[in-house]
Amino acid sequence: MRDLILLRHAHAEPASAGQDDRQRGLSATGLAEAHAAGEWLRAHGLMPDRILYSSAARTRQTLDAAGDLGGVQGREEASIYEASPGILAALADANRDAERLLLIGHNPGLEQLAALLHSGQTGDYRGMPPGGIAVLSLPEDASIEPGIGTLTQFWWP
C-alpha cells in the first residue's frame, strides 16, 4: 500500500482590492493551523517522501509553517491551483512511485478528490476545512481511479 496525504492550505488573509488570489498569504490563525497540521503529521509518523504544492503563496506558507516533514523539500506544481479532482488524480497517478505523497492545495478539488477515491463519487464527504488533512491508502501498483482508496485518517485543526 501507499499513502496519499491531502492537506488543504490553512486560513488565508482576505484578498485586498486588485490583489491576485495566488498572492494571498496565511493569516495568524492559518499559521497556527499549519503548524498544528505539521505536528499532527509528525505525531502520526506520516512523513512524506514527496511534497507537491500549488502556485498560491498560501500553500507554500502552509508547508513552511508545518515545519520539518522528514527533510523532504516541497516542489511547486502549478496544476494544483484551481485543479479539478481529475487533474489531481492524474497528478497523484503520475507520482505513484512515491510511497507517501503529500499534496497541498485547495477546495473544492482536494475534498472532491478524497471523496472520489474513497467512495467513487465527488459529492460525498464534503467539508475539508482549512488546514484539514485526509490520508488515503492506495494499492501500491494500481492506477488512480474512483473508489480505489481507503480513507484511513481525517484531521482538522
N, C-alpha and C. Protein backbone atom coordinates (compact mmCIF):
# COMPACT_ATOMS: atom_id res chain seq x y z
N MET A 1 0.83 -1.18 0.00
CA MET A 1 0.00 0.00 0.00
C MET A 1 0.89 1.25 0.00
N ARG A 2 0.32 2.33 -0.52
CA ARG A 2 0.99 3.63 -0.48
C ARG A 2 -0.02 4.64 0.05
N ASP A 3 0.47 5.76 0.53
CA ASP A 3 -0.40 6.77 1.12
C ASP A 3 -0.44 8.02 0.26
N LEU A 4 -1.61 8.58 0.16
CA LEU A 4 -1.81 9.89 -0.44
C LEU A 4 -2.34 10.78 0.67
N ILE A 5 -1.58 11.83 0.98
CA ILE A 5 -1.97 12.76 2.03
C ILE A 5 -2.40 14.06 1.37
N LEU A 6 -3.61 14.48 1.65
CA LEU A 6 -4.15 15.72 1.11
C LEU A 6 -4.22 16.73 2.24
N LEU A 7 -3.55 17.86 2.08
CA LEU A 7 -3.55 18.92 3.08
C LEU A 7 -4.10 20.18 2.42
N ARG A 8 -5.24 20.63 2.92
CA ARG A 8 -5.79 21.89 2.42
C ARG A 8 -5.01 23.02 3.08
N HIS A 9 -4.65 24.03 2.31
CA HIS A 9 -3.95 25.18 2.89
C HIS A 9 -4.73 25.71 4.08
N ALA A 10 -4.02 26.28 5.02
CA ALA A 10 -4.64 26.85 6.21
C ALA A 10 -5.32 28.18 5.87
N HIS A 11 -6.00 28.76 6.87
CA HIS A 11 -6.73 30.02 6.65
C HIS A 11 -5.82 31.10 6.08
N ALA A 12 -6.32 31.76 5.06
CA ALA A 12 -5.57 32.84 4.40
C ALA A 12 -6.19 34.19 4.73
N GLU A 13 -5.40 35.22 4.54
CA GLU A 13 -5.89 36.59 4.66
C GLU A 13 -6.90 36.83 3.54
N PRO A 14 -7.90 37.68 3.79
CA PRO A 14 -8.81 38.04 2.70
C PRO A 14 -8.05 38.78 1.60
N ALA A 15 -8.54 38.69 0.40
CA ALA A 15 -7.90 39.38 -0.72
C ALA A 15 -8.09 40.88 -0.58
N SER A 16 -7.06 41.63 -0.91
CA SER A 16 -7.17 43.09 -0.98
C SER A 16 -7.66 43.46 -2.37
N ALA A 17 -8.15 44.67 -2.49
CA ALA A 17 -8.65 45.14 -3.79
C ALA A 17 -7.56 44.99 -4.85
N GLY A 18 -7.89 44.31 -5.92
CA GLY A 18 -6.98 44.14 -7.05
C GLY A 18 -5.87 43.12 -6.84
N GLN A 19 -5.84 42.48 -5.70
CA GLN A 19 -4.78 41.51 -5.42
C GLN A 19 -5.01 40.21 -6.17
N ASP A 20 -3.97 39.67 -6.75
CA ASP A 20 -4.03 38.35 -7.38
C ASP A 20 -4.26 37.32 -6.29
N ASP A 21 -5.24 36.46 -6.47
CA ASP A 21 -5.58 35.45 -5.47
C ASP A 21 -4.38 34.59 -5.10
N ARG A 22 -3.50 34.34 -6.04
CA ARG A 22 -2.33 33.49 -5.77
C ARG A 22 -1.38 34.13 -4.76
N GLN A 23 -1.49 35.43 -4.56
CA GLN A 23 -0.57 36.13 -3.66
C GLN A 23 -1.06 36.20 -2.22
N ARG A 24 -2.30 35.78 -1.97
CA ARG A 24 -2.81 35.85 -0.60
C ARG A 24 -2.00 34.95 0.33
N GLY A 25 -1.59 35.50 1.45
CA GLY A 25 -0.82 34.74 2.43
C GLY A 25 -1.69 34.23 3.56
N LEU A 26 -1.08 33.47 4.44
CA LEU A 26 -1.80 32.94 5.59
C LEU A 26 -2.04 34.02 6.64
N SER A 27 -3.15 33.90 7.32
CA SER A 27 -3.45 34.75 8.47
C SER A 27 -2.71 34.19 9.69
N ALA A 28 -2.76 34.91 10.80
CA ALA A 28 -2.15 34.41 12.04
C ALA A 28 -2.80 33.09 12.44
N THR A 29 -4.12 32.99 12.27
CA THR A 29 -4.82 31.74 12.56
C THR A 29 -4.31 30.64 11.64
N GLY A 30 -4.13 30.96 10.37
CA GLY A 30 -3.64 29.99 9.40
C GLY A 30 -2.25 29.48 9.73
N LEU A 31 -1.38 30.38 10.18
CA LEU A 31 -0.03 29.95 10.57
C LEU A 31 -0.09 28.95 11.72
N ALA A 32 -0.96 29.20 12.68
CA ALA A 32 -1.12 28.27 13.81
C ALA A 32 -1.71 26.94 13.34
N GLU A 33 -2.69 26.99 12.43
CA GLU A 33 -3.28 25.76 11.89
C GLU A 33 -2.24 24.93 11.15
N ALA A 34 -1.43 25.59 10.33
CA ALA A 34 -0.42 24.87 9.55
C ALA A 34 0.62 24.24 10.48
N HIS A 35 1.00 24.96 11.51
CA HIS A 35 1.94 24.39 12.49
C HIS A 35 1.32 23.15 13.15
N ALA A 36 0.04 23.25 13.53
CA ALA A 36 -0.66 22.12 14.15
C ALA A 36 -0.75 20.94 13.18
N ALA A 37 -0.96 21.22 11.90
CA ALA A 37 -1.02 20.14 10.90
C ALA A 37 0.31 19.41 10.83
N GLY A 38 1.41 20.16 10.84
CA GLY A 38 2.72 19.53 10.83
C GLY A 38 2.95 18.69 12.07
N GLU A 39 2.55 19.20 13.22
CA GLU A 39 2.67 18.44 14.47
C GLU A 39 1.88 17.14 14.39
N TRP A 40 0.67 17.21 13.84
CA TRP A 40 -0.16 16.02 13.73
C TRP A 40 0.49 14.99 12.79
N LEU A 41 1.00 15.44 11.65
CA LEU A 41 1.66 14.52 10.72
C LEU A 41 2.86 13.85 11.39
N ARG A 42 3.67 14.61 12.09
CA ARG A 42 4.83 14.04 12.78
C ARG A 42 4.40 13.06 13.87
N ALA A 43 3.39 13.42 14.65
CA ALA A 43 2.91 12.56 15.74
C ALA A 43 2.38 11.23 15.23
N HIS A 44 1.88 11.22 14.00
CA HIS A 44 1.33 10.00 13.41
C HIS A 44 2.30 9.31 12.45
N GLY A 45 3.53 9.78 12.44
CA GLY A 45 4.54 9.13 11.60
C GLY A 45 4.26 9.22 10.11
N LEU A 46 3.58 10.27 9.70
CA LEU A 46 3.19 10.41 8.29
C LEU A 46 4.14 11.36 7.56
N MET A 47 5.40 10.97 7.51
CA MET A 47 6.40 11.78 6.82
C MET A 47 6.39 11.42 5.33
N PRO A 48 6.11 12.42 4.50
CA PRO A 48 6.05 12.16 3.06
C PRO A 48 7.44 11.97 2.46
N ASP A 49 7.49 11.26 1.33
CA ASP A 49 8.74 11.20 0.59
C ASP A 49 8.68 12.08 -0.65
N ARG A 50 7.52 12.70 -0.89
CA ARG A 50 7.40 13.71 -1.94
C ARG A 50 6.29 14.67 -1.54
N ILE A 51 6.53 15.97 -1.75
CA ILE A 51 5.57 17.00 -1.42
C ILE A 51 5.39 17.90 -2.64
N LEU A 52 4.14 18.07 -3.05
CA LEU A 52 3.80 18.98 -4.14
C LEU A 52 2.79 19.99 -3.61
N TYR A 53 2.97 21.26 -3.96
CA TYR A 53 2.06 22.30 -3.51
C TYR A 53 1.72 23.21 -4.68
N SER A 54 0.60 23.90 -4.58
CA SER A 54 0.14 24.75 -5.68
C SER A 54 0.99 26.01 -5.77
N SER A 55 0.74 26.77 -6.81
CA SER A 55 1.48 28.01 -7.03
C SER A 55 0.97 29.18 -6.19
N ALA A 56 -0.02 28.96 -5.35
CA ALA A 56 -0.52 30.01 -4.46
C ALA A 56 0.40 30.15 -3.25
N ALA A 57 0.68 31.38 -2.86
CA ALA A 57 1.57 31.65 -1.73
C ALA A 57 1.10 30.94 -0.47
N ARG A 58 -0.20 30.83 -0.25
CA ARG A 58 -0.71 30.24 0.98
C ARG A 58 -0.40 28.75 1.11
N THR A 59 -0.21 28.06 -0.02
CA THR A 59 0.16 26.64 0.09
C THR A 59 1.62 26.50 0.48
N ARG A 60 2.48 27.33 -0.08
CA ARG A 60 3.90 27.29 0.31
C ARG A 60 4.05 27.70 1.76
N GLN A 61 3.30 28.69 2.20
CA GLN A 61 3.36 29.12 3.59
C GLN A 61 2.82 28.04 4.53
N THR A 62 1.83 27.29 4.08
CA THR A 62 1.32 26.17 4.88
C THR A 62 2.42 25.14 5.07
N LEU A 63 3.11 24.82 4.00
CA LEU A 63 4.23 23.87 4.09
C LEU A 63 5.32 24.40 5.02
N ASP A 64 5.70 25.65 4.86
CA ASP A 64 6.75 26.23 5.69
C ASP A 64 6.37 26.23 7.17
N ALA A 65 5.13 26.62 7.47
CA ALA A 65 4.67 26.69 8.86
C ALA A 65 4.48 25.31 9.48
N ALA A 66 4.27 24.29 8.64
CA ALA A 66 4.13 22.92 9.15
C ALA A 66 5.43 22.43 9.77
N GLY A 67 6.54 23.02 9.35
CA GLY A 67 7.83 22.63 9.91
C GLY A 67 8.43 21.44 9.17
N ASP A 68 9.46 20.87 9.75
CA ASP A 68 10.19 19.77 9.12
C ASP A 68 9.30 18.54 8.96
N LEU A 69 9.16 18.08 7.75
CA LEU A 69 8.39 16.87 7.46
C LEU A 69 9.34 15.81 6.93
N GLY A 70 10.30 15.47 7.73
CA GLY A 70 11.23 14.42 7.37
C GLY A 70 12.33 14.87 6.43
N GLY A 71 12.56 16.17 6.34
CA GLY A 71 13.62 16.68 5.50
C GLY A 71 13.30 16.73 4.01
N VAL A 72 12.09 16.42 3.64
CA VAL A 72 11.69 16.43 2.23
C VAL A 72 11.40 17.86 1.80
N GLN A 73 11.97 18.27 0.70
CA GLN A 73 11.72 19.59 0.14
C GLN A 73 10.48 19.53 -0.75
N GLY A 74 9.63 20.50 -0.62
CA GLY A 74 8.44 20.56 -1.46
C GLY A 74 8.78 21.10 -2.85
N ARG A 75 7.90 20.82 -3.78
CA ARG A 75 8.06 21.31 -5.15
C ARG A 75 6.74 21.95 -5.60
N GLU A 76 6.84 23.17 -6.13
CA GLU A 76 5.65 23.84 -6.63
C GLU A 76 5.15 23.12 -7.87
N GLU A 77 3.85 22.91 -7.90
CA GLU A 77 3.18 22.27 -9.05
C GLU A 77 1.99 23.15 -9.42
N ALA A 78 2.16 23.95 -10.47
CA ALA A 78 1.15 24.94 -10.86
C ALA A 78 -0.22 24.33 -11.13
N SER A 79 -0.27 23.09 -11.59
CA SER A 79 -1.55 22.48 -11.95
C SER A 79 -2.46 22.24 -10.74
N ILE A 80 -1.93 22.30 -9.53
CA ILE A 80 -2.76 22.08 -8.33
C ILE A 80 -3.70 23.26 -8.08
N TYR A 81 -3.28 24.47 -8.46
CA TYR A 81 -4.11 25.65 -8.25
C TYR A 81 -5.38 25.53 -9.09
N GLU A 82 -6.54 25.62 -8.43
CA GLU A 82 -7.86 25.51 -9.06
C GLU A 82 -8.07 24.18 -9.79
N ALA A 83 -7.38 23.13 -9.36
CA ALA A 83 -7.47 21.83 -10.03
C ALA A 83 -8.77 21.12 -9.72
N SER A 84 -9.26 20.44 -10.72
CA SER A 84 -10.41 19.55 -10.55
C SER A 84 -9.91 18.25 -9.92
N PRO A 85 -10.82 17.42 -9.41
CA PRO A 85 -10.37 16.14 -8.87
C PRO A 85 -9.69 15.28 -9.94
N GLY A 86 -10.10 15.41 -11.19
CA GLY A 86 -9.47 14.65 -12.27
C GLY A 86 -8.02 15.05 -12.48
N ILE A 87 -7.75 16.34 -12.45
CA ILE A 87 -6.37 16.81 -12.60
C ILE A 87 -5.52 16.34 -11.41
N LEU A 88 -6.08 16.44 -10.21
CA LEU A 88 -5.34 15.99 -9.02
C LEU A 88 -5.11 14.48 -9.05
N ALA A 89 -6.09 13.73 -9.50
CA ALA A 89 -5.92 12.27 -9.61
C ALA A 89 -4.82 11.93 -10.61
N ALA A 90 -4.79 12.64 -11.73
CA ALA A 90 -3.75 12.40 -12.74
C ALA A 90 -2.37 12.75 -12.16
N LEU A 91 -2.29 13.81 -11.38
CA LEU A 91 -1.03 14.20 -10.76
C LEU A 91 -0.58 13.13 -9.76
N ALA A 92 -1.51 12.65 -8.94
CA ALA A 92 -1.17 11.58 -7.99
C ALA A 92 -0.73 10.32 -8.73
N ASP A 93 -1.39 10.01 -9.83
CA ASP A 93 -1.04 8.84 -10.62
C ASP A 93 0.35 8.99 -11.23
N ALA A 94 0.68 10.19 -11.68
CA ALA A 94 1.99 10.45 -12.27
C ALA A 94 3.11 10.36 -11.23
N ASN A 95 2.74 10.42 -9.94
CA ASN A 95 3.72 10.35 -8.86
C ASN A 95 3.55 9.08 -8.03
N ARG A 96 3.06 8.02 -8.66
CA ARG A 96 2.77 6.80 -7.91
C ARG A 96 4.02 6.08 -7.43
N ASP A 97 5.19 6.51 -7.90
CA ASP A 97 6.43 5.92 -7.38
C ASP A 97 6.73 6.41 -5.97
N ALA A 98 6.06 7.46 -5.53
CA ALA A 98 6.22 7.95 -4.15
C ALA A 98 5.45 7.04 -3.21
N GLU A 99 6.11 6.61 -2.16
CA GLU A 99 5.45 5.76 -1.17
C GLU A 99 4.42 6.54 -0.36
N ARG A 100 4.73 7.81 -0.10
CA ARG A 100 3.83 8.68 0.66
C ARG A 100 3.89 10.06 0.04
N LEU A 101 2.86 10.39 -0.74
CA LEU A 101 2.78 11.66 -1.47
C LEU A 101 1.90 12.63 -0.70
N LEU A 102 2.40 13.84 -0.48
CA LEU A 102 1.64 14.91 0.16
C LEU A 102 1.32 15.96 -0.88
N LEU A 103 0.02 16.22 -1.09
CA LEU A 103 -0.43 17.29 -1.96
C LEU A 103 -1.00 18.40 -1.08
N ILE A 104 -0.52 19.62 -1.27
CA ILE A 104 -1.05 20.77 -0.53
C ILE A 104 -1.76 21.66 -1.54
N GLY A 105 -3.06 21.80 -1.36
CA GLY A 105 -3.84 22.53 -2.34
C GLY A 105 -5.08 23.16 -1.78
N HIS A 106 -6.14 23.13 -2.57
CA HIS A 106 -7.33 23.94 -2.35
C HIS A 106 -8.61 23.11 -2.49
N ASN A 107 -9.67 23.65 -1.91
CA ASN A 107 -11.01 23.12 -2.16
C ASN A 107 -11.61 23.90 -3.32
N PRO A 108 -12.54 23.35 -4.06
CA PRO A 108 -13.17 22.06 -3.79
C PRO A 108 -12.39 20.85 -4.30
N GLY A 109 -11.30 21.07 -5.02
CA GLY A 109 -10.57 19.95 -5.63
C GLY A 109 -10.12 18.89 -4.66
N LEU A 110 -9.51 19.29 -3.52
CA LEU A 110 -9.00 18.29 -2.58
C LEU A 110 -10.10 17.46 -1.96
N GLU A 111 -11.16 18.13 -1.48
CA GLU A 111 -12.22 17.36 -0.83
C GLU A 111 -12.95 16.48 -1.84
N GLN A 112 -13.06 16.93 -3.07
CA GLN A 112 -13.69 16.11 -4.10
C GLN A 112 -12.81 14.92 -4.47
N LEU A 113 -11.49 15.12 -4.50
CA LEU A 113 -10.59 14.00 -4.77
C LEU A 113 -10.67 12.97 -3.66
N ALA A 114 -10.67 13.41 -2.41
CA ALA A 114 -10.80 12.47 -1.28
C ALA A 114 -12.07 11.65 -1.42
N ALA A 115 -13.18 12.31 -1.72
CA ALA A 115 -14.45 11.61 -1.88
C ALA A 115 -14.42 10.66 -3.07
N LEU A 116 -13.87 11.11 -4.18
CA LEU A 116 -13.81 10.29 -5.39
C LEU A 116 -12.99 9.02 -5.16
N LEU A 117 -11.85 9.17 -4.53
CA LEU A 117 -11.00 8.00 -4.31
C LEU A 117 -11.60 7.05 -3.28
N HIS A 118 -12.27 7.61 -2.28
CA HIS A 118 -12.84 6.78 -1.22
C HIS A 118 -14.18 6.14 -1.62
N SER A 119 -15.09 6.95 -2.12
CA SER A 119 -16.45 6.45 -2.37
C SER A 119 -16.78 6.28 -3.84
N GLY A 120 -15.95 6.86 -4.70
CA GLY A 120 -16.24 6.78 -6.13
C GLY A 120 -17.08 7.93 -6.64
N GLN A 121 -17.46 8.85 -5.74
CA GLN A 121 -18.29 10.00 -6.13
C GLN A 121 -17.71 11.27 -5.53
N THR A 122 -17.68 12.34 -6.32
CA THR A 122 -17.09 13.58 -5.83
C THR A 122 -17.99 14.33 -4.86
N GLY A 123 -19.26 14.04 -4.82
CA GLY A 123 -20.19 14.79 -3.97
C GLY A 123 -20.24 14.31 -2.54
N ASP A 124 -19.61 13.19 -2.22
CA ASP A 124 -19.65 12.64 -0.87
C ASP A 124 -18.56 13.25 0.00
N TYR A 125 -18.82 13.29 1.30
CA TYR A 125 -17.83 13.67 2.31
C TYR A 125 -17.27 15.07 2.12
N ARG A 126 -18.09 16.01 1.76
CA ARG A 126 -17.63 17.39 1.62
C ARG A 126 -17.41 18.00 2.99
N GLY A 127 -16.50 18.95 3.03
CA GLY A 127 -16.28 19.67 4.27
C GLY A 127 -14.87 19.60 4.78
N MET A 128 -13.88 19.61 3.90
CA MET A 128 -12.48 19.62 4.34
C MET A 128 -12.11 21.05 4.69
N PRO A 129 -11.94 21.35 5.99
CA PRO A 129 -11.70 22.73 6.41
C PRO A 129 -10.26 23.17 6.13
N PRO A 130 -10.01 24.48 6.20
CA PRO A 130 -8.63 24.97 6.05
C PRO A 130 -7.72 24.28 7.06
N GLY A 131 -6.57 23.83 6.59
CA GLY A 131 -5.63 23.11 7.43
C GLY A 131 -5.98 21.65 7.64
N GLY A 132 -7.09 21.20 7.05
CA GLY A 132 -7.53 19.81 7.21
C GLY A 132 -6.65 18.84 6.42
N ILE A 133 -6.59 17.61 6.94
CA ILE A 133 -5.77 16.56 6.33
C ILE A 133 -6.63 15.32 6.11
N ALA A 134 -6.55 14.76 4.91
CA ALA A 134 -7.16 13.47 4.61
C ALA A 134 -6.03 12.53 4.18
N VAL A 135 -5.98 11.36 4.78
CA VAL A 135 -4.98 10.35 4.43
C VAL A 135 -5.71 9.18 3.80
N LEU A 136 -5.30 8.86 2.57
CA LEU A 136 -5.90 7.75 1.84
C LEU A 136 -4.84 6.69 1.57
N SER A 137 -5.22 5.45 1.78
CA SER A 137 -4.34 4.34 1.47
C SER A 137 -4.74 3.81 0.10
N LEU A 138 -3.74 3.63 -0.77
CA LEU A 138 -3.98 3.20 -2.15
C LEU A 138 -3.18 1.95 -2.44
N PRO A 139 -3.71 1.05 -3.28
CA PRO A 139 -2.92 -0.12 -3.67
C PRO A 139 -1.62 0.32 -4.34
N GLU A 140 -0.55 -0.37 -4.03
CA GLU A 140 0.79 0.06 -4.45
C GLU A 140 0.95 0.23 -5.95
N ASP A 141 0.52 -0.70 -6.73
CA ASP A 141 0.79 -0.64 -8.17
C ASP A 141 -0.40 -0.23 -9.02
N ALA A 142 -1.53 0.03 -8.40
CA ALA A 142 -2.75 0.32 -9.16
C ALA A 142 -2.79 1.77 -9.63
N SER A 143 -3.41 1.99 -10.77
CA SER A 143 -3.66 3.34 -11.25
C SER A 143 -4.73 3.99 -10.39
N ILE A 144 -4.69 5.30 -10.33
CA ILE A 144 -5.69 6.05 -9.59
C ILE A 144 -7.00 5.99 -10.36
N GLU A 145 -8.05 5.60 -9.66
CA GLU A 145 -9.38 5.57 -10.24
C GLU A 145 -10.42 5.69 -9.13
N PRO A 146 -11.66 6.03 -9.47
CA PRO A 146 -12.69 6.20 -8.44
C PRO A 146 -12.84 4.96 -7.56
N GLY A 147 -12.97 5.20 -6.27
CA GLY A 147 -13.23 4.14 -5.30
C GLY A 147 -12.04 3.28 -4.93
N ILE A 148 -10.84 3.61 -5.41
CA ILE A 148 -9.68 2.75 -5.17
C ILE A 148 -9.07 2.92 -3.79
N GLY A 149 -9.34 4.05 -3.13
CA GLY A 149 -8.67 4.36 -1.87
C GLY A 149 -9.51 4.06 -0.64
N THR A 150 -8.80 3.95 0.46
CA THR A 150 -9.44 3.81 1.77
C THR A 150 -9.05 5.03 2.59
N LEU A 151 -10.04 5.77 3.06
CA LEU A 151 -9.77 6.91 3.92
C LEU A 151 -9.37 6.36 5.28
N THR A 152 -8.09 6.51 5.63
CA THR A 152 -7.60 5.93 6.88
C THR A 152 -7.58 6.92 8.03
N GLN A 153 -7.43 8.21 7.71
CA GLN A 153 -7.41 9.23 8.75
C GLN A 153 -7.92 10.54 8.20
N PHE A 154 -8.57 11.30 9.08
CA PHE A 154 -9.04 12.64 8.72
C PHE A 154 -8.84 13.51 9.95
N TRP A 155 -8.22 14.66 9.76
CA TRP A 155 -7.91 15.55 10.88
C TRP A 155 -8.13 16.99 10.45
N TRP A 156 -8.51 17.82 11.38
CA TRP A 156 -8.59 19.26 11.13
C TRP A 156 -8.22 20.00 12.42
N PRO A 157 -7.66 21.21 12.26
CA PRO A 157 -7.24 21.97 13.45
C PRO A 157 -8.43 22.53 14.23
